[in-house]
Amino acid sequence: MPNDAPPVDYRRLLEEERSRLLAELAELGVGEDGKLAYDPNFADSSQVTAERSEAEVLAGRLRESLDEVAHALTKLSTSGYGLCEECGGPIGEARLEAMPATRFCIVHATNH
């Protein structure tokens, strides 16, 4: 039985993911320099310090995800996209659709 589903546009998925991550970073207050912007007139209480710390951790995770998307886009342009970086085998299409920036097949994902 032939597969009539249109091919998945991984570049579009990755670019949408990049846009989403950039929007989340902007919403957190991350500026063009990649740093969180804070109101210098705001009193520095322990609650604000804790919230800043949480925001910095979240921003770090978003930046890491953005780096993964950039890596995947590079691999897409240079052929190598969709191949596990551990074993060299193909990454399943369902996994790529769910996580287009993934570097590893499902077997090797647990090692990283």
PDB file of N, CA and C in Angstrom:
ATOM      1  N   MET A   1       0.842  -1.173   0.000  1.00  0.00           N
ATOM      2  CA  MET A   1       0.000   0.000   0.000  1.00  0.00           C
ATOM      3  C   MET A   1       0.893   1.244   0.000  1.00  0.00           C
ATOM      4  N   PRO A   2       0.773   2.109  -1.004  1.00  0.00           N
ATOM      5  CA  PRO A   2       1.630   3.295  -1.087  1.00  0.00           C
ATOM      6  C   PRO A   2       1.263   4.327  -0.027  1.00  0.00           C
ATOM      7  N   ASN A   3       2.257   5.088   0.379  1.00  0.00           N
ATOM      8  CA  ASN A   3       2.059   6.141   1.364  1.00  0.00           C
ATOM      9  C   ASN A   3       1.706   7.429   0.628  1.00  0.00           C
ATOM     10  N   ASP A   4       0.466   7.887   0.781  1.00  0.00           N
ATOM     11  CA  ASP A   4      -0.002   9.091   0.090  1.00  0.00           C
ATOM     12  C   ASP A   4       0.227  10.360   0.899  1.00  0.00           C
ATOM     13  N   ALA A   5       0.829  10.250   2.068  1.00  0.00           N
ATOM     14  CA  ALA A   5       1.073  11.425   2.901  1.00  0.00           C
ATOM     15  C   ALA A   5       2.142  12.297   2.239  1.00  0.00           C
ATOM     16  N   PRO A   6       1.961  13.607   2.282  1.00  0.00           N
ATOM     17  CA  PRO A   6       2.989  14.481   1.705  1.00  0.00           C
ATOM     18  C   PRO A   6       4.282  14.375   2.513  1.00  0.00           C
ATOM     19  N   PRO A   7       5.421  14.578   1.871  1.00  0.00           N
ATOM     20  CA  PRO A   7       6.682  14.501   2.614  1.00  0.00           C
ATOM     21  C   PRO A   7       6.735  15.585   3.690  1.00  0.00           C
ATOM     22  N   VAL A   8       7.395  15.264   4.768  1.00  0.00           N
ATOM     23  CA  VAL A   8       7.508  16.205   5.883  1.00  0.00           C
ATOM     24  C   VAL A   8       8.553  17.266   5.524  1.00  0.00           C
ATOM     25  N   ASP A   9       8.209  18.513   5.734  1.00  0.00           N
ATOM     26  CA  ASP A   9       9.123  19.627   5.485  1.00  0.00           C
ATOM     27  C   ASP A   9       9.864  19.932   6.791  1.00  0.00           C
ATOM     28  N   TYR A  10      10.975  19.243   6.991  1.00  0.00           N
ATOM     29  CA  TYR A  10      11.717  19.398   8.241  1.00  0.00           C
ATOM     30  C   TYR A  10      12.303  20.793   8.388  1.00  0.00           C
ATOM     31  N   ARG A  11      12.692  21.406   7.294  1.00  0.00           N
ATOM     32  CA  ARG A  11      13.205  22.783   7.378  1.00  0.00           C
ATOM     33  C   ARG A  11      12.141  23.707   7.954  1.00  0.00           C
ATOM     34  N   ARG A  12      10.909  23.553   7.487  1.00  0.00           N
ATOM     35  CA  ARG A  12       9.814  24.383   7.999  1.00  0.00           C
ATOM     36  C   ARG A  12       9.594  24.108   9.484  1.00  0.00           C
ATOM     37  N   LEU A  13       9.617  22.843   9.883  1.00  0.00           N
ATOM     38  CA  LEU A  13       9.445  22.502  11.294  1.00  0.00           C
ATOM     39  C   LEU A  13      10.546  23.123  12.151  1.00  0.00           C
ATOM     40  N   LEU A  14      11.779  23.046  11.660  1.00  0.00           N
ATOM     41  CA  LEU A  14      12.903  23.613  12.406  1.00  0.00           C
ATOM     42  C   LEU A  14      12.828  25.137  12.473  1.00  0.00           C
ATOM     43  N   GLU A  15      12.450  25.769  11.383  1.00  0.00           N
ATOM     44  CA  GLU A  15      12.335  27.232  11.383  1.00  0.00           C
ATOM     45  C   GLU A  15      11.191  27.693  12.289  1.00  0.00           C
ATOM     46  N   GLU A  16      10.094  26.930  12.316  1.00  0.00           N
ATOM     47  CA  GLU A  16       9.002  27.252  13.240  1.00  0.00           C
ATOM     48  C   GLU A  16       9.459  27.102  14.685  1.00  0.00           C
ATOM     49  N   GLU A  17      10.232  26.060  14.954  1.00  0.00           N
ATOM     50  CA  GLU A  17      10.758  25.846  16.302  1.00  0.00           C
ATOM     51  C   GLU A  17      11.710  26.979  16.685  1.00  0.00           C
ATOM     52  N   ARG A  18      12.559  27.401  15.748  1.00  0.00           N
ATOM     53  CA  ARG A  18      13.473  28.519  16.018  1.00  0.00           C
ATOM     54  C   ARG A  18      12.689  29.780  16.336  1.00  0.00           C
ATOM     55  N   SER A  19      11.647  30.068  15.560  1.00  0.00           N
ATOM     56  CA  SER A  19      10.822  31.257  15.805  1.00  0.00           C
ATOM     57  C   SER A  19      10.155  31.194  17.171  1.00  0.00           C
ATOM     58  N   ARG A  20       9.654  30.016  17.531  1.00  0.00           N
ATOM     59  CA  ARG A  20       8.997  29.842  18.830  1.00  0.00           C
ATOM     60  C   ARG A  20       9.988  30.078  19.974  1.00  0.00           C
ATOM     61  N   LEU A  21      11.187  29.524  19.842  1.00  0.00           N
ATOM     62  CA  LEU A  21      12.201  29.687  20.881  1.00  0.00           C
ATOM     63  C   LEU A  21      12.639  31.150  21.005  1.00  0.00           C
ATOM     64  N   LEU A  22      12.822  31.826  19.878  1.00  0.00           N
ATOM     65  CA  LEU A  22      13.199  33.238  19.915  1.00  0.00           C
ATOM     66  C   LEU A  22      12.106  34.079  20.565  1.00  0.00           C
ATOM     67  N   ALA A  23      10.844  33.746  20.286  1.00  0.00           N
ATOM     68  CA  ALA A  23       9.726  34.472  20.900  1.00  0.00           C
ATOM     69  C   ALA A  23       9.705  34.245  22.409  1.00  0.00           C
ATOM     70  N   GLU A  24       9.971  33.021  22.840  1.00  0.00           N
ATOM     71  CA  GLU A  24       9.995  32.742  24.277  1.00  0.00           C
ATOM     72  C   GLU A  24      11.146  33.479  24.956  1.00  0.00           C
ATOM     73  N   LEU A  25      12.300  33.531  24.316  1.00  0.00           N
ATOM     74  CA  LEU A  25      13.424  34.277  24.879  1.00  0.00           C
ATOM     75  C   LEU A  25      13.088  35.763  24.983  1.00  0.00           C
ATOM     76  N   ALA A  26      12.459  36.302  23.952  1.00  0.00           N
ATOM     77  CA  ALA A  26      12.072  37.717  23.975  1.00  0.00           C
ATOM     78  C   ALA A  26      11.051  37.975  25.077  1.00  0.00           C
ATOM     79  N   GLU A  27      10.131  37.048  25.255  1.00  0.00           N
ATOM     80  CA  GLU A  27       9.113  37.194  26.298  1.00  0.00           C
ATOM     81  C   GLU A  27       9.745  37.182  27.694  1.00  0.00           C
ATOM     82  N   LEU A  28      10.830  36.427  27.841  1.00  0.00           N
ATOM     83  CA  LEU A  28      11.545  36.403  29.117  1.00  0.00           C
ATOM     84  C   LEU A  28      12.321  37.697  29.355  1.00  0.00           C
ATOM     85  N   GLY A  29      12.548  38.440  28.296  1.00  0.00           N
ATOM     86  CA  GLY A  29      13.307  39.678  28.425  1.00  0.00           C
ATOM     87  C   GLY A  29      14.753  39.541  28.003  1.00  0.00           C
ATOM     88  N   VAL A  30      15.052  38.525  27.206  1.00  0.00           N
ATOM     89  CA  VAL A  30      16.416  38.343  26.713  1.00  0.00           C
ATOM     90  C   VAL A  30      16.616  39.305  25.549  1.00  0.00           C
ATOM     91  N   GLY A  31      17.641  40.136  25.659  1.00  0.00           N
ATOM     92  CA  GLY A  31      17.907  41.140  24.637  1.00  0.00           C
ATOM     93  C   GLY A  31      18.732  40.602  23.491  1.00  0.00           C
ATOM     94  N   GLU A  32      19.051  41.482  22.558  1.00  0.00           N
ATOM     95  CA  GLU A  32      19.862  41.121  21.389  1.00  0.00           C
ATOM     96  C   GLU A  32      21.231  40.573  21.800  1.00  0.00           C
ATOM     97  N   ASP A  33      21.728  41.022  22.952  1.00  0.00           N
ATOM     98  CA  ASP A  33      23.037  40.573  23.430  1.00  0.00           C
ATOM     99  C   ASP A  33      22.971  39.188  24.074  1.00  0.00           C
ATOM    100  N   GLY A  34      21.764  38.620  24.170  1.00  0.00           N
ATOM    101  CA  GLY A  34      21.599  37.294  24.752  1.00  0.00           C
ATOM    102  C   GLY A  34      21.474  37.281  26.253  1.00  0.00           C
ATOM    103  N   LYS A  35      21.416  38.471  26.848  1.00  0.00           N
ATOM    104  CA  LYS A  35      21.327  38.565  28.308  1.00  0.00           C
ATOM    105  C   LYS A  35      19.936  39.016  28.730  1.00  0.00           C
ATOM    106  N   LEU A  36      19.567  38.604  29.925  1.00  0.00           N
ATOM    107  CA  LEU A  36      18.279  39.023  30.475  1.00  0.00           C
ATOM    108  C   LEU A  36      18.353  40.490  30.879  1.00  0.00           C
ATOM    109  N   ALA A  37      17.336  41.226  30.514  1.00  0.00           N
ATOM    110  CA  ALA A  37      17.266  42.638  30.873  1.00  0.00           C
ATOM    111  C   ALA A  37      16.432  42.783  32.145  1.00  0.00           C
ATOM    112  N   TYR A  38      16.924  43.563  33.072  1.00  0.00           N
ATOM    113  CA  TYR A  38      16.210  43.799  34.324  1.00  0.00           C
ATOM    114  C   TYR A  38      16.008  45.289  34.512  1.00  0.00           C
ATOM    115  N   ASP A  39      14.935  45.621  35.188  1.00  0.00           N
ATOM    116  CA  ASP A  39      14.648  47.017  35.513  1.00  0.00           C
ATOM    117  C   ASP A  39      15.582  47.437  36.645  1.00  0.00           C
ATOM    118  N   PRO A  40      16.505  48.355  36.385  1.00  0.00           N
ATOM    119  CA  PRO A  40      17.458  48.744  37.420  1.00  0.00           C
ATOM    120  C   PRO A  40      16.801  49.476  38.592  1.00  0.00           C
ATOM    121  N   ASN A  41      15.599  49.965  38.420  1.00  0.00           N
ATOM    122  CA  ASN A  41      14.911  50.679  39.483  1.00  0.00           C
ATOM    123  C   ASN A  41      14.118  49.767  40.398  1.00  0.00           C
ATOM    124  N   PHE A  42      14.076  48.478  40.077  1.00  0.00           N
ATOM    125  CA  PHE A  42      13.291  47.543  40.863  1.00  0.00           C
ATOM    126  C   PHE A  42      14.091  47.113  42.085  1.00  0.00           C
ATOM    127  N   ALA A  43      13.445  47.118  43.233  1.00  0.00           N
ATOM    128  CA  ALA A  43      14.105  46.705  44.472  1.00  0.00           C
ATOM    129  C   ALA A  43      14.561  45.253  44.347  1.00  0.00           C
ATOM    130  N   ASP A  44      15.746  44.966  44.830  1.00  0.00           N
ATOM    131  CA  ASP A  44      16.317  43.636  44.697  1.00  0.00           C
ATOM    132  C   ASP A  44      16.019  42.811  45.943  1.00  0.00           C
ATOM    133  N   SER A  45      14.827  42.289  46.017  1.00  0.00           N
ATOM    134  CA  SER A  45      14.450  41.454  47.160  1.00  0.00           C
ATOM    135  C   SER A  45      14.849  40.016  46.890  1.00  0.00           C
ATOM    136  N   SER A  46      14.726  39.177  47.892  1.00  0.00           N
ATOM    137  CA  SER A  46      15.078  37.766  47.709  1.00  0.00           C
ATOM    138  C   SER A  46      14.143  37.095  46.717  1.00  0.00           C
ATOM    139  N   GLN A  47      12.875  37.510  46.664  1.00  0.00           N
ATOM    140  CA  GLN A  47      11.945  36.931  45.705  1.00  0.00           C
ATOM    141  C   GLN A  47      12.359  37.286  44.281  1.00  0.00           C
ATOM    142  N   VAL A  48      12.743  38.531  44.067  1.00  0.00           N
ATOM    143  CA  VAL A  48      13.175  38.960  42.743  1.00  0.00           C
ATOM    144  C   VAL A  48      14.439  38.197  42.343  1.00  0.00           C
ATOM    145  N   THR A  49      15.350  38.009  43.288  1.00  0.00           N
ATOM    146  CA  THR A  49      16.576  37.273  43.015  1.00  0.00           C
ATOM    147  C   THR A  49      16.258  35.834  42.620  1.00  0.00           C
ATOM    148  N   ALA A  50      15.332  35.222  43.333  1.00  0.00           N
ATOM    149  CA  ALA A  50      14.935  33.847  43.008  1.00  0.00           C
ATOM    150  C   ALA A  50      14.287  33.795  41.631  1.00  0.00           C
ATOM    151  N   GLU A  51      13.422  34.746  41.324  1.00  0.00           N
ATOM    152  CA  GLU A  51      12.765  34.773  40.015  1.00  0.00           C
ATOM    153  C   GLU A  51      13.782  34.998  38.906  1.00  0.00           C
ATOM    154  N   ARG A  52      14.752  35.854  39.156  1.00  0.00           N
ATOM    155  CA  ARG A  52      15.821  36.086  38.181  1.00  0.00           C
ATOM    156  C   ARG A  52      16.589  34.801  37.916  1.00  0.00           C
ATOM    157  N   SER A  53      16.887  34.089  38.979  1.00  0.00           N
ATOM    158  CA  SER A  53      17.620  32.838  38.851  1.00  0.00           C
ATOM    159  C   SER A  53      16.827  31.830  38.019  1.00  0.00           C
ATOM    160  N   GLU A  54      15.543  31.721  38.277  1.00  0.00           N
ATOM    161  CA  GLU A  54      14.689  30.819  37.508  1.00  0.00           C
ATOM    162  C   GLU A  54      14.634  31.244  36.040  1.00  0.00           C
ATOM    163  N   ALA A  55      14.529  32.537  35.806  1.00  0.00           N
ATOM    164  CA  ALA A  55      14.474  33.048  34.435  1.00  0.00           C
ATOM    165  C   ALA A  55      15.789  32.767  33.704  1.00  0.00           C
ATOM    166  N   GLU A  56      16.900  32.887  34.406  1.00  0.00           N
ATOM    167  CA  GLU A  56      18.198  32.624  33.783  1.00  0.00           C
ATOM    168  C   GLU A  56      18.351  31.148  33.431  1.00  0.00           C
ATOM    169  N   VAL A  57      17.858  30.261  34.297  1.00  0.00           N
ATOM    170  CA  VAL A  57      17.912  28.821  34.005  1.00  0.00           C
ATOM    171  C   VAL A  57      17.045  28.523  32.783  1.00  0.00           C
ATOM    172  N   LEU A  58      15.829  29.064  32.756  1.00  0.00           N
ATOM    173  CA  LEU A  58      14.931  28.843  31.624  1.00  0.00           C
ATOM    174  C   LEU A  58      15.537  29.404  30.343  1.00  0.00           C
ATOM    175  N   ALA A  59      16.112  30.598  30.411  1.00  0.00           N
ATOM    176  CA  ALA A  59      16.741  31.200  29.229  1.00  0.00           C
ATOM    177  C   ALA A  59      17.895  30.330  28.744  1.00  0.00           C
ATOM    178  N   GLY A  60      18.654  29.765  29.664  1.00  0.00           N
ATOM    179  CA  GLY A  60      19.754  28.876  29.286  1.00  0.00           C
ATOM    180  C   GLY A  60      19.255  27.649  28.541  1.00  0.00           C
ATOM    181  N   ARG A  61      18.171  27.068  29.025  1.00  0.00           N
ATOM    182  CA  ARG A  61      17.590  25.902  28.355  1.00  0.00           C
ATOM    183  C   ARG A  61      17.060  26.273  26.973  1.00  0.00           C
ATOM    184  N   LEU A  62      16.433  27.433  26.864  1.00  0.00           N
ATOM    185  CA  LEU A  62      15.928  27.876  25.571  1.00  0.00           C
ATOM    186  C   LEU A  62      17.073  28.114  24.597  1.00  0.00           C
ATOM    187  N   ARG A  63      18.178  28.695  25.091  1.00  0.00           N
ATOM    188  CA  ARG A  63      19.349  28.910  24.233  1.00  0.00           C
ATOM    189  C   ARG A  63      19.939  27.578  23.768  1.00  0.00           C
ATOM    190  N   GLU A  64      19.985  26.597  24.671  1.00  0.00           N
ATOM    191  CA  GLU A  64      20.486  25.274  24.288  1.00  0.00           C
ATOM    192  C   GLU A  64      19.603  24.662  23.201  1.00  0.00           C
ATOM    193  N   SER A  65      18.294  24.791  23.355  1.00  0.00           N
ATOM    194  CA  SER A  65      17.367  24.276  22.337  1.00  0.00           C
ATOM    195  C   SER A  65      17.567  25.000  21.019  1.00  0.00           C
ATOM    196  N   LEU A  66      17.784  26.305  21.092  1.00  0.00           N
ATOM    197  CA  LEU A  66      18.032  27.100  19.889  1.00  0.00           C
ATOM    198  C   LEU A  66      19.321  26.644  19.206  1.00  0.00           C
ATOM    199  N   ASP A  67      20.346  26.322  19.988  1.00  0.00           N
ATOM    200  CA  ASP A  67      21.594  25.797  19.429  1.00  0.00           C
ATOM    201  C   ASP A  67      21.356  24.459  18.729  1.00  0.00           C
ATOM    202  N   GLU A  68      20.514  23.614  19.320  1.00  0.00           N
ATOM    203  CA  GLU A  68      20.192  22.317  18.712  1.00  0.00           C
ATOM    204  C   GLU A  68      19.471  22.510  17.381  1.00  0.00           C
ATOM    205  N   VAL A  69      18.562  23.478  17.324  1.00  0.00           N
ATOM    206  CA  VAL A  69      17.845  23.764  16.077  1.00  0.00           C
ATOM    207  C   VAL A  69      18.828  24.269  15.023  1.00  0.00           C
ATOM    208  N   ALA A  70      19.734  25.152  15.411  1.00  0.00           N
ATOM    209  CA  ALA A  70      20.735  25.665  14.469  1.00  0.00           C
ATOM    210  C   ALA A  70      21.612  24.526  13.953  1.00  0.00           C
ATOM    211  N   HIS A  71      21.996  23.612  14.831  1.00  0.00           N
ATOM    212  CA  HIS A  71      22.799  22.453  14.435  1.00  0.00           C
ATOM    213  C   HIS A  71      22.032  21.595  13.425  1.00  0.00           C
ATOM    214  N   ALA A  72      20.758  21.352  13.698  1.00  0.00           N
ATOM    215  CA  ALA A  72      19.934  20.540  12.795  1.00  0.00           C
ATOM    216  C   ALA A  72      19.774  21.222  11.439  1.00  0.00           C
ATOM    217  N   LEU A  73      19.596  22.531  11.429  1.00  0.00           N
ATOM    218  CA  LEU A  73      19.474  23.259  10.159  1.00  0.00           C
ATOM    219  C   LEU A  73      20.771  23.164   9.354  1.00  0.00           C
ATOM    220  N   THR A  74      21.899  23.214  10.033  1.00  0.00           N
ATOM    221  CA  THR A  74      23.184  23.056   9.355  1.00  0.00           C
ATOM    222  C   THR A  74      23.296  21.665   8.752  1.00  0.00           C
ATOM    223  N   LYS A  75      22.921  20.648   9.529  1.00  0.00           N
ATOM    224  CA  LYS A  75      22.972  19.272   9.023  1.00  0.00           C
ATOM    225  C   LYS A  75      22.011  19.082   7.849  1.00  0.00           C
ATOM    226  N   LEU A  76      20.884  19.761   7.895  1.00  0.00           N
ATOM    227  CA  LEU A  76      19.911  19.665   6.804  1.00  0.00           C
ATOM    228  C   LEU A  76      20.509  20.216   5.519  1.00  0.00           C
ATOM    229  N   SER A  77      21.312  21.255   5.637  1.00  0.00           N
ATOM    230  CA  SER A  77      21.933  21.886   4.471  1.00  0.00           C
ATOM    231  C   SER A  77      23.142  21.118   3.950  1.00  0.00           C
ATOM    232  N   THR A  78      23.785  20.338   4.813  1.00  0.00           N
ATOM    233  CA  THR A  78      25.019  19.662   4.425  1.00  0.00           C
ATOM    234  C   THR A  78      24.864  18.154   4.312  1.00  0.00           C
ATOM    235  N   SER A  79      23.663  17.666   4.324  1.00  0.00           N
ATOM    236  CA  SER A  79      23.332  16.237   4.305  1.00  0.00           C
ATOM    237  C   SER A  79      23.925  15.539   5.516  1.00  0.00           C
ATOM    238  N   GLY A  80      23.132  14.872   6.202  1.00  0.00           N
ATOM    239  CA  GLY A  80      23.494  14.239   7.465  1.00  0.00           C
ATOM    240  C   GLY A  80      22.325  14.363   8.422  1.00  0.00           C
ATOM    241  N   TYR A  81      21.361  15.175   8.009  1.00  0.00           N
ATOM    242  CA  TYR A  81      20.164  15.326   8.825  1.00  0.00           C
ATOM    243  C   TYR A  81      19.396  14.007   8.826  1.00  0.00           C
ATOM    244  N   GLY A  82      18.889  13.642   9.975  1.00  0.00           N
ATOM    245  CA  GLY A  82      18.094  12.427  10.088  1.00  0.00           C
ATOM    246  C   GLY A  82      18.910  11.188  10.372  1.00  0.00           C
ATOM    247  N   LEU A  83      20.224  11.383  10.569  1.00  0.00           N
ATOM    248  CA  LEU A  83      21.095  10.254  10.915  1.00  0.00           C
ATOM    249  C   LEU A  83      21.553  10.406  12.354  1.00  0.00           C
ATOM    250  N   CYS A  84      21.511   9.322  13.088  1.00  0.00           N
ATOM    251  CA  CYS A  84      21.916   9.311  14.488  1.00  0.00           C
ATOM    252  C   CYS A  84      23.403   9.634  14.596  1.00  0.00           C
ATOM    253  N   GLU A  85      23.758  10.547  15.488  1.00  0.00           N
ATOM    254  CA  GLU A  85      25.158  10.913  15.669  1.00  0.00           C
ATOM    255  C   GLU A  85      25.927   9.876  16.480  1.00  0.00           C
ATOM    256  N   GLU A  86      25.230   8.909  17.028  1.00  0.00           N
ATOM    257  CA  GLU A  86      25.883   7.836  17.783  1.00  0.00           C
ATOM    258  C   GLU A  86      26.205   6.644  16.877  1.00  0.00           C
ATOM    259  N   CYS A  87      25.197   6.149  16.159  1.00  0.00           N
ATOM    260  CA  CYS A  87      25.374   4.920  15.374  1.00  0.00           C
ATOM    261  C   CYS A  87      25.390   5.156  13.862  1.00  0.00           C
ATOM    262  N   GLY A  88      24.973   6.350  13.421  1.00  0.00           N
ATOM    263  CA  GLY A  88      24.952   6.645  11.989  1.00  0.00           C
ATOM    264  C   GLY A  88      23.730   6.120  11.270  1.00  0.00           C
ATOM    265  N   GLY A  89      22.867   5.414  11.996  1.00  0.00           N
ATOM    266  CA  GLY A  89      21.653   4.888  11.391  1.00  0.00           C
ATOM    267  C   GLY A  89      20.573   5.954  11.282  1.00  0.00           C
ATOM    268  N   PRO A  90      19.537   5.656  10.523  1.00  0.00           N
ATOM    269  CA  PRO A  90      18.467   6.644  10.353  1.00  0.00           C
ATOM    270  C   PRO A  90      17.646   6.832  11.632  1.00  0.00           C
ATOM    271  N   ILE A  91      17.251   8.062  11.849  1.00  0.00           N
ATOM    272  CA  ILE A  91      16.339   8.392  12.948  1.00  0.00           C
ATOM    273  C   ILE A  91      14.932   8.230  12.387  1.00  0.00           C
ATOM    274  N   GLY A  92      14.054   7.592  13.132  1.00  0.00           N
ATOM    275  CA  GLY A  92      12.699   7.337  12.672  1.00  0.00           C
ATOM    276  C   GLY A  92      11.950   8.613  12.320  1.00  0.00           C
ATOM    277  N   GLU A  93      11.145   8.530  11.271  1.00  0.00           N
ATOM    278  CA  GLU A  93      10.395   9.697  10.802  1.00  0.00           C
ATOM    279  C   GLU A  93       9.474  10.260  11.883  1.00  0.00           C
ATOM    280  N   ALA A  94       8.816   9.384  12.641  1.00  0.00           N
ATOM    281  CA  ALA A  94       7.920   9.858  13.703  1.00  0.00           C
ATOM    282  C   ALA A  94       8.706  10.637  14.753  1.00  0.00           C
ATOM    283  N   ARG A  95       9.924  10.175  15.075  1.00  0.00           N
ATOM    284  CA  ARG A  95      10.762  10.884  16.053  1.00  0.00           C
ATOM    285  C   ARG A  95      11.183  12.244  15.505  1.00  0.00           C
ATOM    286  N   LEU A  96      11.560  12.292  14.227  1.00  0.00           N
ATOM    287  CA  LEU A  96      11.963  13.566  13.620  1.00  0.00           C
ATOM    288  C   LEU A  96      10.800  14.550  13.559  1.00  0.00           C
ATOM    289  N   GLU A  97       9.603  14.039  13.296  1.00  0.00           N
ATOM    290  CA  GLU A  97       8.442  14.933  13.269  1.00  0.00           C
ATOM    291  C   GLU A  97       8.176  15.508  14.649  1.00  0.00           C
ATOM    292  N   ALA A  98       8.306  14.673  15.677  1.00  0.00           N
ATOM    293  CA  ALA A  98       8.045  15.122  17.042  1.00  0.00           C
ATOM    294  C   ALA A  98       9.168  16.003  17.576  1.00  0.00           C
ATOM    295  N   MET A  99      10.411  15.678  17.194  1.00  0.00           N
ATOM    296  CA  MET A  99      11.592  16.391  17.687  1.00  0.00           C
ATOM    297  C   MET A  99      12.539  16.634  16.515  1.00  0.00           C
ATOM    298  N   PRO A 100      12.232  17.608  15.659  1.00  0.00           N
ATOM    299  CA  PRO A 100      13.028  17.777  14.434  1.00  0.00           C
ATOM    300  C   PRO A 100      14.501  18.120  14.660  1.00  0.00           C
ATOM    301  N   ALA A 101      14.864  18.572  15.854  1.00  0.00           N
ATOM    302  CA  ALA A 101      16.258  18.922  16.120  1.00  0.00           C
ATOM    303  C   ALA A 101      17.026  17.793  16.798  1.00  0.00           C
ATOM    304  N   THR A 102      16.412  16.629  16.953  1.00  0.00           N
ATOM    305  CA  THR A 102      17.081  15.535  17.647  1.00  0.00           C
ATOM    306  C   THR A 102      18.333  15.084  16.914  1.00  0.00           C
ATOM    307  N   ARG A 103      19.331  14.670  17.678  1.00  0.00           N
ATOM    308  CA  ARG A 103      20.600  14.195  17.116  1.00  0.00           C
ATOM    309  C   ARG A 103      20.710  12.677  17.129  1.00  0.00           C
ATOM    310  N   PHE A 104      19.811  12.023  17.874  1.00  0.00           N
ATOM    311  CA  PHE A 104      19.979  10.604  18.126  1.00  0.00           C
ATOM    312  C   PHE A 104      18.708   9.804  17.846  1.00  0.00           C
ATOM    313  N   CYS A 105      18.910   8.568  17.410  1.00  0.00           N
ATOM    314  CA  CYS A 105      17.788   7.644  17.251  1.00  0.00           C
ATOM    315  C   CYS A 105      17.245   7.312  18.640  1.00  0.00           C
ATOM    316  N   ILE A 106      16.098   6.691  18.685  1.00  0.00           N
ATOM    317  CA  ILE A 106      15.458   6.403  19.965  1.00  0.00           C
ATOM    318  C   ILE A 106      16.322   5.487  20.833  1.00  0.00           C
ATOM    319  N   VAL A 107      17.061   4.569  20.225  1.00  0.00           N
ATOM    320  CA  VAL A 107      17.908   3.648  20.978  1.00  0.00           C
ATOM    321  C   VAL A 107      19.022   4.402  21.697  1.00  0.00           C
ATOM    322  N   HIS A 108      19.622   5.380  21.030  1.00  0.00           N
ATOM    323  CA  HIS A 108      20.766   6.078  21.596  1.00  0.00           C
ATOM    324  C   HIS A 108      20.395   7.382  22.321  1.00  0.00           C
ATOM    325  N   ALA A 109      19.158   7.773  22.250  1.00  0.00           N
ATOM    326  CA  ALA A 109      18.726   9.012  22.921  1.00  0.00           C
ATOM    327  C   ALA A 109      18.858   8.902  24.433  1.00  0.00           C
ATOM    328  N   THR A 110      18.683   7.710  24.971  1.00  0.00           N
ATOM    329  CA  THR A 110      18.763   7.536  26.424  1.00  0.00           C
ATOM    330  C   THR A 110      20.177   7.693  26.954  1.00  0.00           C
ATOM    331  N   ASN A 111      21.185   7.587  26.075  1.00  0.00           N
ATOM    332  CA  ASN A 111      22.588   7.753  26.495  1.00  0.00           C
ATOM    333  C   ASN A 111      22.998   9.217  26.605  1.00  0.00           C
ATOM    334  N   HIS A 112      22.138  10.117  26.113  1.00  0.00           N
ATOM    335  CA  HIS A 112      22.551  11.532  26.046  1.00  0.00           C
ATOM    336  C   HIS A 112      21.584  12.422  26.757  1.00  0.00           C
TER     337      HIS A 112
END
